[in-house]
Amino acid sequence: MTTQTAPDSRLASALRFATELIAWIGTPWALAPHSILLAIASVVVLIGLPTIFQTPGDKPRVVVPVPGVVTVLLVLLQLVAAVVAAWFAWPVIVAVVVSVLAAACVVTEQPRWRWLMSGPAGAD
């Protein structure tokens, strides 16, 4: 049985990666004044969970296979973290830009999310 791969969209991948970077930077930035431990934990969660839990066919190597819905939820976690952190940590104009970026990411991710939610081949 061959594992079918996710729909390829360079724009969606670029927007998703940019938003992930913002989440990885912005979340600890927003949390650090309140708790250094929370700031560190946020980075561990935001980078660690998607690294460990992956849907077969979506990435070349999978550490712990999970259904597509988990991957979609992890992406949504990153998007929400980026937007919320931006509003708490940075000037309004930056928060607006991050919010627009996250919205664009949601739009461009739709084909991949539909594929993930349909149960990619080899995800069993």
N, C-alpha and C. Protein backbone atom coordinates (compact mmCIF):
# COMPACT_ATOMS: atom_id res chain seq x y z
N MET A 1 0.85 -1.18 0.00
CA MET A 1 0.00 0.00 0.00
C MET A 1 0.89 1.24 0.00
N THR A 2 0.61 2.14 -0.89
CA THR A 2 1.37 3.39 -0.95
C THR A 2 0.72 4.45 -0.09
N THR A 3 1.55 5.29 0.50
CA THR A 3 1.05 6.38 1.31
C THR A 3 0.88 7.60 0.43
N GLN A 4 -0.33 8.07 0.36
CA GLN A 4 -0.62 9.25 -0.44
C GLN A 4 -0.12 10.49 0.31
N THR A 5 0.46 11.44 -0.43
CA THR A 5 0.98 12.65 0.22
C THR A 5 -0.04 13.77 0.17
N ALA A 6 0.16 14.73 1.05
CA ALA A 6 -0.74 15.88 1.16
C ALA A 6 -0.69 16.74 -0.09
N PRO A 7 -1.77 17.47 -0.37
CA PRO A 7 -1.74 18.41 -1.49
C PRO A 7 -0.60 19.41 -1.32
N ASP A 8 0.13 19.67 -2.40
CA ASP A 8 1.29 20.56 -2.35
C ASP A 8 0.87 22.00 -2.65
N SER A 9 1.10 22.86 -1.71
CA SER A 9 0.87 24.29 -1.92
C SER A 9 2.02 25.04 -1.26
N ARG A 10 2.87 25.60 -2.07
CA ARG A 10 4.01 26.34 -1.52
C ARG A 10 3.56 27.58 -0.76
N LEU A 11 2.51 28.24 -1.26
CA LEU A 11 1.99 29.42 -0.56
C LEU A 11 1.47 29.04 0.82
N ALA A 12 0.67 27.97 0.88
CA ALA A 12 0.14 27.52 2.17
C ALA A 12 1.27 27.15 3.12
N SER A 13 2.27 26.44 2.61
CA SER A 13 3.41 26.05 3.46
C SER A 13 4.18 27.27 3.96
N ALA A 14 4.39 28.25 3.10
CA ALA A 14 5.11 29.47 3.49
C ALA A 14 4.33 30.25 4.54
N LEU A 15 3.03 30.39 4.34
CA LEU A 15 2.20 31.12 5.31
C LEU A 15 2.15 30.38 6.64
N ARG A 16 2.03 29.04 6.58
CA ARG A 16 1.99 28.25 7.80
C ARG A 16 3.31 28.38 8.56
N PHE A 17 4.44 28.30 7.83
CA PHE A 17 5.74 28.41 8.49
C PHE A 17 5.95 29.80 9.09
N ALA A 18 5.56 30.84 8.36
CA ALA A 18 5.69 32.20 8.88
C ALA A 18 4.87 32.37 10.16
N THR A 19 3.67 31.83 10.16
CA THR A 19 2.81 31.94 11.34
C THR A 19 3.38 31.13 12.50
N GLU A 20 3.93 29.96 12.19
CA GLU A 20 4.57 29.16 13.25
C GLU A 20 5.74 29.92 13.88
N LEU A 21 6.57 30.53 13.04
CA LEU A 21 7.69 31.33 13.57
C LEU A 21 7.20 32.44 14.49
N ILE A 22 6.14 33.10 14.07
CA ILE A 22 5.58 34.18 14.89
C ILE A 22 5.09 33.61 16.22
N ALA A 23 4.44 32.45 16.19
CA ALA A 23 3.96 31.82 17.43
C ALA A 23 5.14 31.46 18.33
N TRP A 24 6.20 30.89 17.73
CA TRP A 24 7.36 30.49 18.53
C TRP A 24 8.07 31.68 19.17
N ILE A 25 8.03 32.83 18.52
CA ILE A 25 8.67 34.02 19.06
C ILE A 25 7.72 34.81 19.95
N GLY A 26 6.52 35.01 19.45
CA GLY A 26 5.56 35.88 20.13
C GLY A 26 5.01 35.33 21.43
N THR A 27 4.75 34.03 21.47
CA THR A 27 4.15 33.46 22.68
C THR A 27 5.08 33.58 23.88
N PRO A 28 6.34 33.17 23.78
CA PRO A 28 7.20 33.38 24.96
C PRO A 28 7.43 34.85 25.25
N TRP A 29 7.44 35.69 24.22
CA TRP A 29 7.60 37.13 24.41
C TRP A 29 6.45 37.67 25.26
N ALA A 30 5.24 37.24 24.94
CA ALA A 30 4.06 37.70 25.69
C ALA A 30 4.01 37.10 27.09
N LEU A 31 4.50 35.89 27.27
CA LEU A 31 4.42 35.22 28.57
C LEU A 31 5.57 35.53 29.51
N ALA A 32 6.72 35.87 28.97
CA ALA A 32 7.92 36.08 29.80
C ALA A 32 7.75 37.09 30.93
N PRO A 33 7.06 38.21 30.71
CA PRO A 33 6.89 39.14 31.84
C PRO A 33 6.09 38.54 33.00
N HIS A 34 5.31 37.50 32.72
CA HIS A 34 4.48 36.89 33.75
C HIS A 34 5.12 35.66 34.36
N SER A 35 5.80 34.86 33.51
CA SER A 35 6.43 33.64 33.99
C SER A 35 7.42 33.12 32.95
N ILE A 36 8.68 33.04 33.36
CA ILE A 36 9.71 32.50 32.47
C ILE A 36 9.43 31.02 32.20
N LEU A 37 8.95 30.31 33.21
CA LEU A 37 8.65 28.89 33.02
C LEU A 37 7.53 28.68 32.00
N LEU A 38 6.49 29.52 32.06
CA LEU A 38 5.42 29.43 31.05
C LEU A 38 5.94 29.77 29.66
N ALA A 39 6.82 30.74 29.58
CA ALA A 39 7.40 31.12 28.29
C ALA A 39 8.17 29.95 27.69
N ILE A 40 8.97 29.28 28.51
CA ILE A 40 9.73 28.13 28.04
C ILE A 40 8.79 26.98 27.67
N ALA A 41 7.80 26.74 28.52
CA ALA A 41 6.83 25.67 28.25
C ALA A 41 6.08 25.92 26.93
N SER A 42 5.78 27.17 26.64
CA SER A 42 5.06 27.47 25.40
C SER A 42 5.87 27.09 24.18
N VAL A 43 7.18 27.32 24.23
CA VAL A 43 8.04 26.95 23.11
C VAL A 43 8.12 25.43 22.99
N VAL A 44 8.25 24.75 24.11
CA VAL A 44 8.30 23.29 24.10
C VAL A 44 7.02 22.72 23.49
N VAL A 45 5.87 23.26 23.88
CA VAL A 45 4.59 22.77 23.36
C VAL A 45 4.44 23.11 21.88
N LEU A 46 4.71 24.36 21.51
CA LEU A 46 4.47 24.80 20.13
C LEU A 46 5.42 24.16 19.12
N ILE A 47 6.63 23.83 19.55
CA ILE A 47 7.57 23.17 18.64
C ILE A 47 7.53 21.66 18.83
N GLY A 48 7.45 21.22 20.07
CA GLY A 48 7.54 19.80 20.37
C GLY A 48 6.37 18.96 19.90
N LEU A 49 5.14 19.42 20.17
CA LEU A 49 3.99 18.60 19.80
C LEU A 49 3.91 18.30 18.30
N PRO A 50 4.03 19.33 17.42
CA PRO A 50 3.98 19.01 15.99
C PRO A 50 5.17 18.20 15.49
N THR A 51 6.28 18.25 16.22
CA THR A 51 7.45 17.46 15.84
C THR A 51 7.24 15.99 16.17
N ILE A 52 6.57 15.73 17.27
CA ILE A 52 6.37 14.36 17.72
C ILE A 52 5.14 13.71 17.07
N PHE A 53 4.03 14.44 17.03
CA PHE A 53 2.77 13.89 16.54
C PHE A 53 2.52 14.35 15.11
N GLN A 54 2.50 13.39 14.17
CA GLN A 54 2.36 13.72 12.75
C GLN A 54 1.44 12.71 12.08
N THR A 55 0.80 13.18 11.02
CA THR A 55 -0.08 12.31 10.24
C THR A 55 0.74 11.66 9.12
N PRO A 56 0.70 10.34 9.02
CA PRO A 56 1.41 9.66 7.93
C PRO A 56 0.96 10.20 6.57
N GLY A 57 1.93 10.42 5.71
CA GLY A 57 1.65 10.97 4.39
C GLY A 57 1.78 12.48 4.34
N ASP A 58 1.69 13.13 5.50
CA ASP A 58 1.82 14.58 5.56
C ASP A 58 3.28 14.99 5.67
N LYS A 59 4.06 14.18 6.34
CA LYS A 59 5.50 14.41 6.52
C LYS A 59 6.25 13.16 6.06
N PRO A 60 7.51 13.32 5.63
CA PRO A 60 8.26 12.14 5.17
C PRO A 60 8.53 11.12 6.28
N ARG A 61 8.81 11.60 7.49
CA ARG A 61 9.08 10.71 8.61
C ARG A 61 8.12 11.04 9.74
N VAL A 62 7.53 10.00 10.31
CA VAL A 62 6.55 10.19 11.38
C VAL A 62 7.08 9.54 12.65
N VAL A 63 7.10 10.33 13.73
CA VAL A 63 7.55 9.79 15.02
C VAL A 63 6.40 9.04 15.68
N VAL A 64 5.31 9.76 15.97
CA VAL A 64 4.11 9.16 16.54
C VAL A 64 2.96 9.46 15.58
N PRO A 65 2.44 8.43 14.90
CA PRO A 65 1.36 8.67 13.94
C PRO A 65 0.05 9.05 14.64
N VAL A 66 -0.62 10.06 14.09
CA VAL A 66 -1.90 10.51 14.62
C VAL A 66 -2.86 10.75 13.45
N PRO A 67 -4.16 10.74 13.72
CA PRO A 67 -5.12 11.05 12.66
C PRO A 67 -4.97 12.50 12.20
N GLY A 68 -5.46 12.77 11.02
CA GLY A 68 -5.37 14.11 10.43
C GLY A 68 -5.96 15.20 11.28
N VAL A 69 -7.03 14.88 12.01
CA VAL A 69 -7.67 15.91 12.84
C VAL A 69 -6.69 16.45 13.89
N VAL A 70 -5.80 15.62 14.37
CA VAL A 70 -4.81 16.08 15.36
C VAL A 70 -3.85 17.08 14.72
N THR A 71 -3.42 16.80 13.50
CA THR A 71 -2.53 17.72 12.79
C THR A 71 -3.23 19.06 12.55
N VAL A 72 -4.49 19.01 12.14
CA VAL A 72 -5.25 20.26 11.94
C VAL A 72 -5.35 21.03 13.25
N LEU A 73 -5.64 20.35 14.34
CA LEU A 73 -5.74 21.03 15.64
C LEU A 73 -4.39 21.63 16.07
N LEU A 74 -3.30 20.95 15.76
CA LEU A 74 -1.99 21.49 16.10
C LEU A 74 -1.67 22.75 15.28
N VAL A 75 -2.07 22.76 14.02
CA VAL A 75 -1.89 23.97 13.21
C VAL A 75 -2.75 25.10 13.77
N LEU A 76 -3.99 24.79 14.13
CA LEU A 76 -4.87 25.82 14.71
C LEU A 76 -4.29 26.36 16.02
N LEU A 77 -3.68 25.48 16.82
CA LEU A 77 -3.02 25.93 18.05
C LEU A 77 -1.94 26.95 17.74
N GLN A 78 -1.14 26.67 16.73
CA GLN A 78 -0.07 27.60 16.32
C GLN A 78 -0.66 28.94 15.88
N LEU A 79 -1.71 28.88 15.07
CA LEU A 79 -2.33 30.11 14.55
C LEU A 79 -2.91 30.95 15.69
N VAL A 80 -3.63 30.31 16.58
CA VAL A 80 -4.22 31.03 17.72
C VAL A 80 -3.12 31.61 18.60
N ALA A 81 -2.08 30.83 18.86
CA ALA A 81 -0.97 31.32 19.69
C ALA A 81 -0.32 32.55 19.06
N ALA A 82 -0.11 32.50 17.75
CA ALA A 82 0.52 33.64 17.06
C ALA A 82 -0.34 34.89 17.18
N VAL A 83 -1.63 34.76 16.93
CA VAL A 83 -2.53 35.92 16.96
C VAL A 83 -2.67 36.48 18.38
N VAL A 84 -2.96 35.63 19.32
CA VAL A 84 -3.15 36.09 20.71
C VAL A 84 -1.86 36.73 21.24
N ALA A 85 -0.74 36.08 21.01
CA ALA A 85 0.54 36.63 21.48
C ALA A 85 0.83 37.98 20.85
N ALA A 86 0.54 38.11 19.56
CA ALA A 86 0.80 39.38 18.87
C ALA A 86 0.00 40.51 19.49
N TRP A 87 -1.26 40.24 19.83
CA TRP A 87 -2.10 41.29 20.42
C TRP A 87 -1.63 41.67 21.83
N PHE A 88 -1.03 40.73 22.54
CA PHE A 88 -0.55 41.04 23.89
C PHE A 88 0.87 41.60 23.91
N ALA A 89 1.69 41.23 22.94
CA ALA A 89 3.12 41.55 23.03
C ALA A 89 3.55 42.73 22.17
N TRP A 90 2.84 43.01 21.08
CA TRP A 90 3.34 43.94 20.10
C TRP A 90 2.36 45.06 19.78
N PRO A 91 2.81 46.08 19.07
CA PRO A 91 1.91 47.19 18.69
C PRO A 91 0.73 46.68 17.85
N VAL A 92 -0.34 47.45 17.86
CA VAL A 92 -1.57 47.07 17.18
C VAL A 92 -1.34 46.77 15.70
N ILE A 93 -0.56 47.57 15.03
CA ILE A 93 -0.34 47.35 13.59
C ILE A 93 0.30 45.99 13.33
N VAL A 94 1.22 45.57 14.18
CA VAL A 94 1.85 44.26 14.04
C VAL A 94 0.81 43.17 14.31
N ALA A 95 0.00 43.36 15.34
CA ALA A 95 -1.04 42.38 15.66
C ALA A 95 -2.04 42.24 14.51
N VAL A 96 -2.37 43.34 13.87
CA VAL A 96 -3.29 43.29 12.73
C VAL A 96 -2.65 42.50 11.58
N VAL A 97 -1.38 42.76 11.30
CA VAL A 97 -0.68 42.05 10.22
C VAL A 97 -0.62 40.54 10.53
N VAL A 98 -0.32 40.20 11.77
CA VAL A 98 -0.27 38.79 12.16
C VAL A 98 -1.66 38.15 12.03
N SER A 99 -2.69 38.88 12.40
CA SER A 99 -4.06 38.36 12.28
C SER A 99 -4.43 38.10 10.82
N VAL A 100 -4.05 39.02 9.94
CA VAL A 100 -4.31 38.85 8.50
C VAL A 100 -3.51 37.66 7.96
N LEU A 101 -2.26 37.53 8.39
CA LEU A 101 -1.43 36.40 7.98
C LEU A 101 -2.07 35.08 8.41
N ALA A 102 -2.54 35.02 9.64
CA ALA A 102 -3.17 33.80 10.14
C ALA A 102 -4.45 33.49 9.36
N ALA A 103 -5.24 34.51 9.04
CA ALA A 103 -6.46 34.30 8.26
C ALA A 103 -6.11 33.79 6.86
N ALA A 104 -5.08 34.34 6.25
CA ALA A 104 -4.64 33.88 4.94
C ALA A 104 -4.17 32.43 5.02
N CYS A 105 -3.52 32.10 6.10
CA CYS A 105 -3.06 30.72 6.30
C CYS A 105 -4.25 29.77 6.37
N VAL A 106 -5.28 30.14 7.11
CA VAL A 106 -6.48 29.30 7.22
C VAL A 106 -7.09 29.07 5.83
N VAL A 107 -7.16 30.11 5.03
CA VAL A 107 -7.74 30.00 3.69
C VAL A 107 -6.90 29.07 2.80
N THR A 108 -5.59 29.28 2.80
CA THR A 108 -4.73 28.49 1.90
C THR A 108 -4.54 27.04 2.39
N GLU A 109 -4.77 26.80 3.67
CA GLU A 109 -4.63 25.45 4.23
C GLU A 109 -5.83 24.56 3.94
N GLN A 110 -6.93 25.10 3.45
CA GLN A 110 -8.15 24.31 3.28
C GLN A 110 -7.98 23.02 2.50
N PRO A 111 -7.29 23.01 1.35
CA PRO A 111 -7.12 21.72 0.64
C PRO A 111 -6.37 20.68 1.49
N ARG A 112 -5.34 21.11 2.18
CA ARG A 112 -4.58 20.19 3.04
C ARG A 112 -5.44 19.69 4.19
N TRP A 113 -6.19 20.61 4.80
CA TRP A 113 -7.04 20.21 5.92
C TRP A 113 -8.13 19.25 5.48
N ARG A 114 -8.72 19.47 4.31
CA ARG A 114 -9.74 18.54 3.80
C ARG A 114 -9.10 17.16 3.59
N TRP A 115 -7.89 17.16 3.02
CA TRP A 115 -7.18 15.91 2.81
C TRP A 115 -6.89 15.22 4.15
N LEU A 116 -6.41 15.98 5.12
CA LEU A 116 -6.12 15.41 6.44
C LEU A 116 -7.38 14.86 7.11
N MET A 117 -8.47 15.58 7.01
CA MET A 117 -9.72 15.17 7.66
C MET A 117 -10.36 13.97 6.95
N SER A 118 -10.02 13.75 5.69
CA SER A 118 -10.60 12.62 4.96
C SER A 118 -9.89 11.31 5.27
N GLY A 119 -8.83 11.38 6.08
CA GLY A 119 -8.10 10.17 6.42
C GLY A 119 -7.13 9.76 5.34
N PRO A 120 -5.96 10.40 5.29
CA PRO A 120 -4.96 10.09 4.26
C PRO A 120 -4.64 8.60 4.22
N ALA A 121 -4.36 8.10 3.03
CA ALA A 121 -3.98 6.69 2.88
C ALA A 121 -2.74 6.42 3.72
N GLY A 122 -2.72 5.33 4.41
CA GLY A 122 -1.56 4.98 5.23
C GLY A 122 -1.62 5.57 6.62
N ALA A 123 -2.71 6.27 6.97
CA ALA A 123 -2.82 6.89 8.28
C ALA A 123 -3.31 5.91 9.34
N ASP A 124 -3.59 4.69 8.93
CA ASP A 124 -4.11 3.71 9.90
C ASP A 124 -3.03 3.17 10.79
